[in-house]
């Protein structure tokens, strides 16, 4: 299977690797899919998408920097 990522999605993967929590993009994607599967099982996905605003990438980066997870 081939998946094409948008530049901002690729950037998030790169940030996750730079944080040191993951060694490569396969690990990042596997973790993300595992979290999504758990949320789906818990019924949290539809609820979150309905009520929670999406955070812009800049806000996510700032939060990771503040937590010391990103340089």
PDB file of N, CA and C in Angstrom:
ATOM      1  N   UNK A   1       0.849  -1.174   0.000  1.00  0.00           N
ATOM      2  CA  UNK A   1       0.000   0.000   0.000  1.00  0.00           C
ATOM      3  C   UNK A   1       0.894   1.237   0.000  1.00  0.00           C
ATOM      4  N   UNK A   2       0.533   2.188  -0.794  1.00  0.00           N
ATOM      5  CA  UNK A   2       1.241   3.456  -0.831  1.00  0.00           C
ATOM      6  C   UNK A   2       0.322   4.548  -0.305  1.00  0.00           C
ATOM      7  N   UNK A   3       0.849   5.330   0.615  1.00  0.00           N
ATOM      8  CA  UNK A   3       0.087   6.427   1.194  1.00  0.00           C
ATOM      9  C   UNK A   3       0.853   7.720   0.952  1.00  0.00           C
ATOM     10  N   UNK A   4       0.164   8.699   0.416  1.00  0.00           N
ATOM     11  CA  UNK A   4       0.785  10.007   0.207  1.00  0.00           C
ATOM     12  C   UNK A   4       0.372  10.936   1.336  1.00  0.00           C
ATOM     13  N   UNK A   5       1.365  11.526   1.978  1.00  0.00           N
ATOM     14  CA  UNK A   5       1.105  12.432   3.090  1.00  0.00           C
ATOM     15  C   UNK A   5       1.188  13.884   2.637  1.00  0.00           C
ATOM     16  N   UNK A   6       0.368  14.699   3.270  1.00  0.00           N
ATOM     17  CA  UNK A   6       0.457  16.135   3.050  1.00  0.00           C
ATOM     18  C   UNK A   6       1.725  16.623   3.755  1.00  0.00           C
ATOM     19  N   UNK A   7       2.289  17.735   3.301  1.00  0.00           N
ATOM     20  CA  UNK A   7       3.520  18.236   3.931  1.00  0.00           C
ATOM     21  C   UNK A   7       3.395  18.425   5.443  1.00  0.00           C
ATOM     22  N   UNK A   8       2.251  18.911   5.911  1.00  0.00           N
ATOM     23  CA  UNK A   8       2.095  19.115   7.351  1.00  0.00           C
ATOM     24  C   UNK A   8       2.041  17.792   8.106  1.00  0.00           C
ATOM     25  N   UNK A   9       1.533  16.742   7.468  1.00  0.00           N
ATOM     26  CA  UNK A   9       1.512  15.422   8.101  1.00  0.00           C
ATOM     27  C   UNK A   9       2.931  14.860   8.190  1.00  0.00           C
ATOM     28  N   UNK A  10       3.690  15.034   7.129  1.00  0.00           N
ATOM     29  CA  UNK A  10       5.086  14.594   7.129  1.00  0.00           C
ATOM     30  C   UNK A  10       5.866  15.344   8.195  1.00  0.00           C
ATOM     31  N   UNK A  11       5.568  16.615   8.360  1.00  0.00           N
ATOM     32  CA  UNK A  11       6.249  17.427   9.361  1.00  0.00           C
ATOM     33  C   UNK A  11       5.961  16.910  10.774  1.00  0.00           C
ATOM     34  N   UNK A  12       4.739  16.514  11.038  1.00  0.00           N
ATOM     35  CA  UNK A  12       4.387  15.969  12.355  1.00  0.00           C
ATOM     36  C   UNK A  12       5.180  14.685  12.612  1.00  0.00           C
ATOM     37  N   UNK A  13       5.307  13.857  11.612  1.00  0.00           N
ATOM     38  CA  UNK A  13       6.091  12.622  11.753  1.00  0.00           C
ATOM     39  C   UNK A  13       7.546  12.961  12.052  1.00  0.00           C
ATOM     40  N   UNK A  14       8.090  13.925  11.337  1.00  0.00           N
ATOM     41  CA  UNK A  14       9.471  14.340  11.569  1.00  0.00           C
ATOM     42  C   UNK A  14       9.655  14.889  12.981  1.00  0.00           C
ATOM     43  N   UNK A  15       8.682  15.655  13.469  1.00  0.00           N
ATOM     44  CA  UNK A  15       8.749  16.186  14.833  1.00  0.00           C
ATOM     45  C   UNK A  15       8.734  15.057  15.860  1.00  0.00           C
ATOM     46  N   UNK A  16       7.918  14.052  15.621  1.00  0.00           N
ATOM     47  CA  UNK A  16       7.847  12.917  16.541  1.00  0.00           C
ATOM     48  C   UNK A  16       9.185  12.186  16.597  1.00  0.00           C
ATOM     49  N   UNK A  17       9.828  12.020  15.459  1.00  0.00           N
ATOM     50  CA  UNK A  17      11.140  11.363  15.407  1.00  0.00           C
ATOM     51  C   UNK A  17      12.175  12.231  16.105  1.00  0.00           C
ATOM     52  N   UNK A  18      12.164  13.540  15.840  1.00  0.00           N
ATOM     53  CA  UNK A  18      13.111  14.467  16.472  1.00  0.00           C
ATOM     54  C   UNK A  18      12.959  14.500  17.986  1.00  0.00           C
ATOM     55  N   UNK A  19      11.761  14.219  18.480  1.00  0.00           N
ATOM     56  CA  UNK A  19      11.532  14.232  19.922  1.00  0.00           C
ATOM     57  C   UNK A  19      12.293  13.108  20.620  1.00  0.00           C
ATOM     58  N   UNK A  20      12.701  12.108  19.853  1.00  0.00           N
ATOM     59  CA  UNK A  20      13.409  10.967  20.412  1.00  0.00           C
ATOM     60  C   UNK A  20      12.498   9.836  20.852  1.00  0.00           C
ATOM     61  N   UNK A  21      11.205  10.049  20.774  1.00  0.00           N
ATOM     62  CA  UNK A  21      10.253   9.024  21.200  1.00  0.00           C
ATOM     63  C   UNK A  21      10.128   7.893  20.176  1.00  0.00           C
ATOM     64  N   UNK A  22      10.465   8.183  18.931  1.00  0.00           N
ATOM     65  CA  UNK A  22      10.338   7.209  17.847  1.00  0.00           C
ATOM     66  C   UNK A  22      11.608   7.223  17.020  1.00  0.00           C
ATOM     67  N   UNK A  23      11.949   6.064  16.465  1.00  0.00           N
ATOM     68  CA  UNK A  23      13.164   5.968  15.666  1.00  0.00           C
ATOM     69  C   UNK A  23      12.926   6.209  14.184  1.00  0.00           C
ATOM     70  N   UNK A  24      11.704   5.959  13.723  1.00  0.00           N
ATOM     71  CA  UNK A  24      11.441   6.121  12.295  1.00  0.00           C
ATOM     72  C   UNK A  24       9.949   6.336  12.065  1.00  0.00           C
ATOM     73  N   UNK A  25       9.608   6.627  10.811  1.00  0.00           N
ATOM     74  CA  UNK A  25       8.213   6.930  10.475  1.00  0.00           C
ATOM     75  C   UNK A  25       7.290   5.727  10.687  1.00  0.00           C
ATOM     76  N   UNK A  26       7.799   4.522  10.493  1.00  0.00           N
ATOM     77  CA  UNK A  26       6.967   3.335  10.720  1.00  0.00           C
ATOM     78  C   UNK A  26       6.497   3.262  12.171  1.00  0.00           C
ATOM     79  N   UNK A  27       7.392   3.579  13.109  1.00  0.00           N
ATOM     80  CA  UNK A  27       7.017   3.557  14.523  1.00  0.00           C
ATOM     81  C   UNK A  27       5.973   4.632  14.834  1.00  0.00           C
ATOM     82  N   UNK A  28       6.144   5.810  14.251  1.00  0.00           N
ATOM     83  CA  UNK A  28       5.203   6.905  14.494  1.00  0.00           C
ATOM     84  C   UNK A  28       3.816   6.516  13.992  1.00  0.00           C
ATOM     85  N   UNK A  29       3.759   6.011  12.789  1.00  0.00           N
ATOM     86  CA  UNK A  29       2.469   5.646  12.191  1.00  0.00           C
ATOM     87  C   UNK A  29       1.828   4.489  12.953  1.00  0.00           C
ATOM     88  N   UNK A  30       2.630   3.497  13.347  1.00  0.00           N
ATOM     89  CA  UNK A  30       2.090   2.368  14.107  1.00  0.00           C
ATOM     90  C   UNK A  30       1.494   2.852  15.436  1.00  0.00           C
ATOM     91  N   UNK A  31       2.188   3.766  16.114  1.00  0.00           N
ATOM     92  CA  UNK A  31       1.677   4.296  17.382  1.00  0.00           C
ATOM     93  C   UNK A  31       0.400   5.091  17.167  1.00  0.00           C
ATOM     94  N   UNK A  32       0.389   5.911  16.131  1.00  0.00           N
ATOM     95  CA  UNK A  32      -0.797   6.727  15.841  1.00  0.00           C
ATOM     96  C   UNK A  32      -2.003   5.844  15.523  1.00  0.00           C
ATOM     97  N   UNK A  33      -1.791   4.818  14.732  1.00  0.00           N
ATOM     98  CA  UNK A  33      -2.891   3.919  14.388  1.00  0.00           C
ATOM     99  C   UNK A  33      -3.365   3.126  15.599  1.00  0.00           C
ATOM    100  N   UNK A  34      -2.443   2.758  16.470  1.00  0.00           N
ATOM    101  CA  UNK A  34      -2.822   2.052  17.690  1.00  0.00           C
ATOM    102  C   UNK A  34      -3.691   2.942  18.579  1.00  0.00           C
ATOM    103  N   UNK A  35      -3.293   4.214  18.726  1.00  0.00           N
ATOM    104  CA  UNK A  35      -4.091   5.156  19.515  1.00  0.00           C
ATOM    105  C   UNK A  35      -5.463   5.379  18.890  1.00  0.00           C
ATOM    106  N   UNK A  36      -5.502   5.489  17.574  1.00  0.00           N
ATOM    107  CA  UNK A  36      -6.770   5.669  16.882  1.00  0.00           C
ATOM    108  C   UNK A  36      -7.675   4.460  17.085  1.00  0.00           C
ATOM    109  N   UNK A  37      -7.109   3.266  16.989  1.00  0.00           N
ATOM    110  CA  UNK A  37      -7.900   2.047  17.189  1.00  0.00           C
ATOM    111  C   UNK A  37      -8.498   2.008  18.590  1.00  0.00           C
ATOM    112  N   UNK A  38      -7.711   2.394  19.599  1.00  0.00           N
ATOM    113  CA  UNK A  38      -8.228   2.437  20.972  1.00  0.00           C
ATOM    114  C   UNK A  38      -9.366   3.444  21.089  1.00  0.00           C
ATOM    115  N   UNK A  39      -9.188   4.609  20.486  1.00  0.00           N
ATOM    116  CA  UNK A  39     -10.232   5.637  20.531  1.00  0.00           C
ATOM    117  C   UNK A  39     -11.508   5.166  19.835  1.00  0.00           C
ATOM    118  N   UNK A  40     -11.351   4.465  18.724  1.00  0.00           N
ATOM    119  CA  UNK A  40     -12.514   3.943  18.002  1.00  0.00           C
ATOM    120  C   UNK A  40     -13.251   2.937  18.882  1.00  0.00           C
ATOM    121  N   UNK A  41     -12.493   2.036  19.521  1.00  0.00           N
ATOM    122  CA  UNK A  41     -13.110   1.040  20.401  1.00  0.00           C
ATOM    123  C   UNK A  41     -13.851   1.694  21.562  1.00  0.00           C
ATOM    124  N   UNK A  42     -13.295   2.790  22.067  1.00  0.00           N
ATOM    125  CA  UNK A  42     -13.911   3.495  23.196  1.00  0.00           C
ATOM    126  C   UNK A  42     -15.046   4.420  22.770  1.00  0.00           C
ATOM    127  N   UNK A  43     -15.242   4.561  21.467  1.00  0.00           N
ATOM    128  CA  UNK A  43     -16.268   5.463  20.963  1.00  0.00           C
ATOM    129  C   UNK A  43     -15.874   6.923  21.053  1.00  0.00           C
ATOM    130  N   UNK A  44     -14.592   7.179  21.304  1.00  0.00           N
ATOM    131  CA  UNK A  44     -14.130   8.548  21.519  1.00  0.00           C
ATOM    132  C   UNK A  44     -13.906   9.309  20.222  1.00  0.00           C
ATOM    133  N   UNK A  45     -13.715   8.619  19.131  1.00  0.00           N
ATOM    134  CA  UNK A  45     -13.378   9.307  17.879  1.00  0.00           C
ATOM    135  C   UNK A  45     -14.516  10.192  17.405  1.00  0.00           C
ATOM    136  N   UNK A  46     -15.691   9.651  17.295  1.00  0.00           N
ATOM    137  CA  UNK A  46     -16.790  10.465  16.779  1.00  0.00           C
ATOM    138  C   UNK A  46     -17.121  11.597  17.735  1.00  0.00           C
ATOM    139  N   UNK A  47     -17.032  11.343  19.032  1.00  0.00           N
ATOM    140  CA  UNK A  47     -17.313  12.377  20.032  1.00  0.00           C
ATOM    141  C   UNK A  47     -16.281  13.502  19.945  1.00  0.00           C
ATOM    142  N   UNK A  48     -15.010  13.156  19.849  1.00  0.00           N
ATOM    143  CA  UNK A  48     -13.946  14.168  19.786  1.00  0.00           C
ATOM    144  C   UNK A  48     -14.033  14.984  18.508  1.00  0.00           C
ATOM    145  N   UNK A  49     -14.296  14.341  17.415  1.00  0.00           N
ATOM    146  CA  UNK A  49     -14.356  15.061  16.141  1.00  0.00           C
ATOM    147  C   UNK A  49     -15.568  15.982  16.092  1.00  0.00           C
ATOM    148  N   UNK A  50     -16.578  15.662  16.843  1.00  0.00           N
ATOM    149  CA  UNK A  50     -17.791  16.467  16.856  1.00  0.00           C
ATOM    150  C   UNK A  50     -17.628  17.712  17.714  1.00  0.00           C
ATOM    151  N   UNK A  51     -16.900  17.608  18.844  1.00  0.00           N
ATOM    152  CA  UNK A  51     -16.886  18.683  19.826  1.00  0.00           C
ATOM    153  C   UNK A  51     -15.540  19.377  20.022  1.00  0.00           C
ATOM    154  N   UNK A  52     -14.455  18.796  19.599  1.00  0.00           N
ATOM    155  CA  UNK A  52     -13.142  19.344  19.904  1.00  0.00           C
ATOM    156  C   UNK A  52     -12.533  20.022  18.685  1.00  0.00           C
ATOM    157  N   UNK A  53     -12.121  21.278  18.828  1.00  0.00           N
ATOM    158  CA  UNK A  53     -11.482  21.946  17.692  1.00  0.00           C
ATOM    159  C   UNK A  53     -10.116  21.341  17.412  1.00  0.00           C
ATOM    160  N   UNK A  54      -9.708  21.370  16.174  1.00  0.00           N
ATOM    161  CA  UNK A  54      -8.398  20.867  15.776  1.00  0.00           C
ATOM    162  C   UNK A  54      -7.347  21.917  16.087  1.00  0.00           C
ATOM    163  N   UNK A  55      -6.185  21.499  16.584  1.00  0.00           N
ATOM    164  CA  UNK A  55      -5.104  22.425  16.899  1.00  0.00           C
ATOM    165  C   UNK A  55      -4.237  22.645  15.667  1.00  0.00           C
ATOM    166  N   UNK A  56      -3.921  23.904  15.377  1.00  0.00           N
ATOM    167  CA  UNK A  56      -2.995  24.165  14.275  1.00  0.00           C
ATOM    168  C   UNK A  56      -1.617  23.585  14.610  1.00  0.00           C
ATOM    169  N   UNK A  57      -0.863  23.219  13.585  1.00  0.00           N
ATOM    170  CA  UNK A  57       0.451  22.617  13.760  1.00  0.00           C
ATOM    171  C   UNK A  57       1.354  23.502  14.612  1.00  0.00           C
ATOM    172  N   UNK A  58       1.293  24.808  14.435  1.00  0.00           N
ATOM    173  CA  UNK A  58       2.132  25.718  15.205  1.00  0.00           C
ATOM    174  C   UNK A  58       1.860  25.584  16.704  1.00  0.00           C
ATOM    175  N   UNK A  59       0.603  25.386  17.085  1.00  0.00           N
ATOM    176  CA  UNK A  59       0.265  25.216  18.493  1.00  0.00           C
ATOM    177  C   UNK A  59       0.808  23.899  19.033  1.00  0.00           C
ATOM    178  N   UNK A  60       0.739  22.856  18.223  1.00  0.00           N
ATOM    179  CA  UNK A  60       1.267  21.555  18.636  1.00  0.00           C
ATOM    180  C   UNK A  60       2.779  21.653  18.831  1.00  0.00           C
ATOM    181  N   UNK A  61       3.471  22.292  17.889  1.00  0.00           N
ATOM    182  CA  UNK A  61       4.915  22.471  18.000  1.00  0.00           C
ATOM    183  C   UNK A  61       5.268  23.262  19.255  1.00  0.00           C
ATOM    184  N   UNK A  62       4.556  24.344  19.527  1.00  0.00           N
ATOM    185  CA  UNK A  62       4.821  25.170  20.709  1.00  0.00           C
ATOM    186  C   UNK A  62       4.637  24.358  21.989  1.00  0.00           C
ATOM    187  N   UNK A  63       3.597  23.540  22.028  1.00  0.00           N
ATOM    188  CA  UNK A  63       3.353  22.720  23.209  1.00  0.00           C
ATOM    189  C   UNK A  63       4.465  21.691  23.404  1.00  0.00           C
ATOM    190  N   UNK A  64       4.899  21.058  22.308  1.00  0.00           N
ATOM    191  CA  UNK A  64       6.001  20.087  22.402  1.00  0.00           C
ATOM    192  C   UNK A  64       7.280  20.760  22.869  1.00  0.00           C
ATOM    193  N   UNK A  65       7.547  21.967  22.384  1.00  0.00           N
ATOM    194  CA  UNK A  65       8.731  22.712  22.830  1.00  0.00           C
ATOM    195  C   UNK A  65       8.627  23.040  24.314  1.00  0.00           C
ATOM    196  N   UNK A  66       7.460  23.484  24.751  1.00  0.00           N
ATOM    197  CA  UNK A  66       7.255  23.840  26.152  1.00  0.00           C
ATOM    198  C   UNK A  66       7.451  22.626  27.068  1.00  0.00           C
ATOM    199  N   UNK A  67       7.121  21.453  26.579  1.00  0.00           N
ATOM    200  CA  UNK A  67       7.282  20.226  27.349  1.00  0.00           C
ATOM    201  C   UNK A  67       8.704  19.665  27.253  1.00  0.00           C
ATOM    202  N   UNK A  68       9.533  20.338  26.442  1.00  0.00           N
ATOM    203  CA  UNK A  68      10.912  19.880  26.277  1.00  0.00           C
ATOM    204  C   UNK A  68      11.044  18.677  25.383  1.00  0.00           C
ATOM    205  N   UNK A  69      10.013  18.387  24.617  1.00  0.00           N
ATOM    206  CA  UNK A  69      10.033  17.212  23.737  1.00  0.00           C
ATOM    207  C   UNK A  69      10.488  17.549  22.333  1.00  0.00           C
ATOM    208  N   UNK A  70      10.704  18.843  22.079  1.00  0.00           N
ATOM    209  CA  UNK A  70      11.115  19.290  20.758  1.00  0.00           C
ATOM    210  C   UNK A  70      12.081  20.434  20.933  1.00  0.00           C
ATOM    211  N   UNK A  71      13.114  20.423  20.108  1.00  0.00           N
ATOM    212  CA  UNK A  71      14.111  21.495  20.180  1.00  0.00           C
ATOM    213  C   UNK A  71      13.714  22.669  19.346  1.00  0.00           C
TER     214      UNK A  71
END
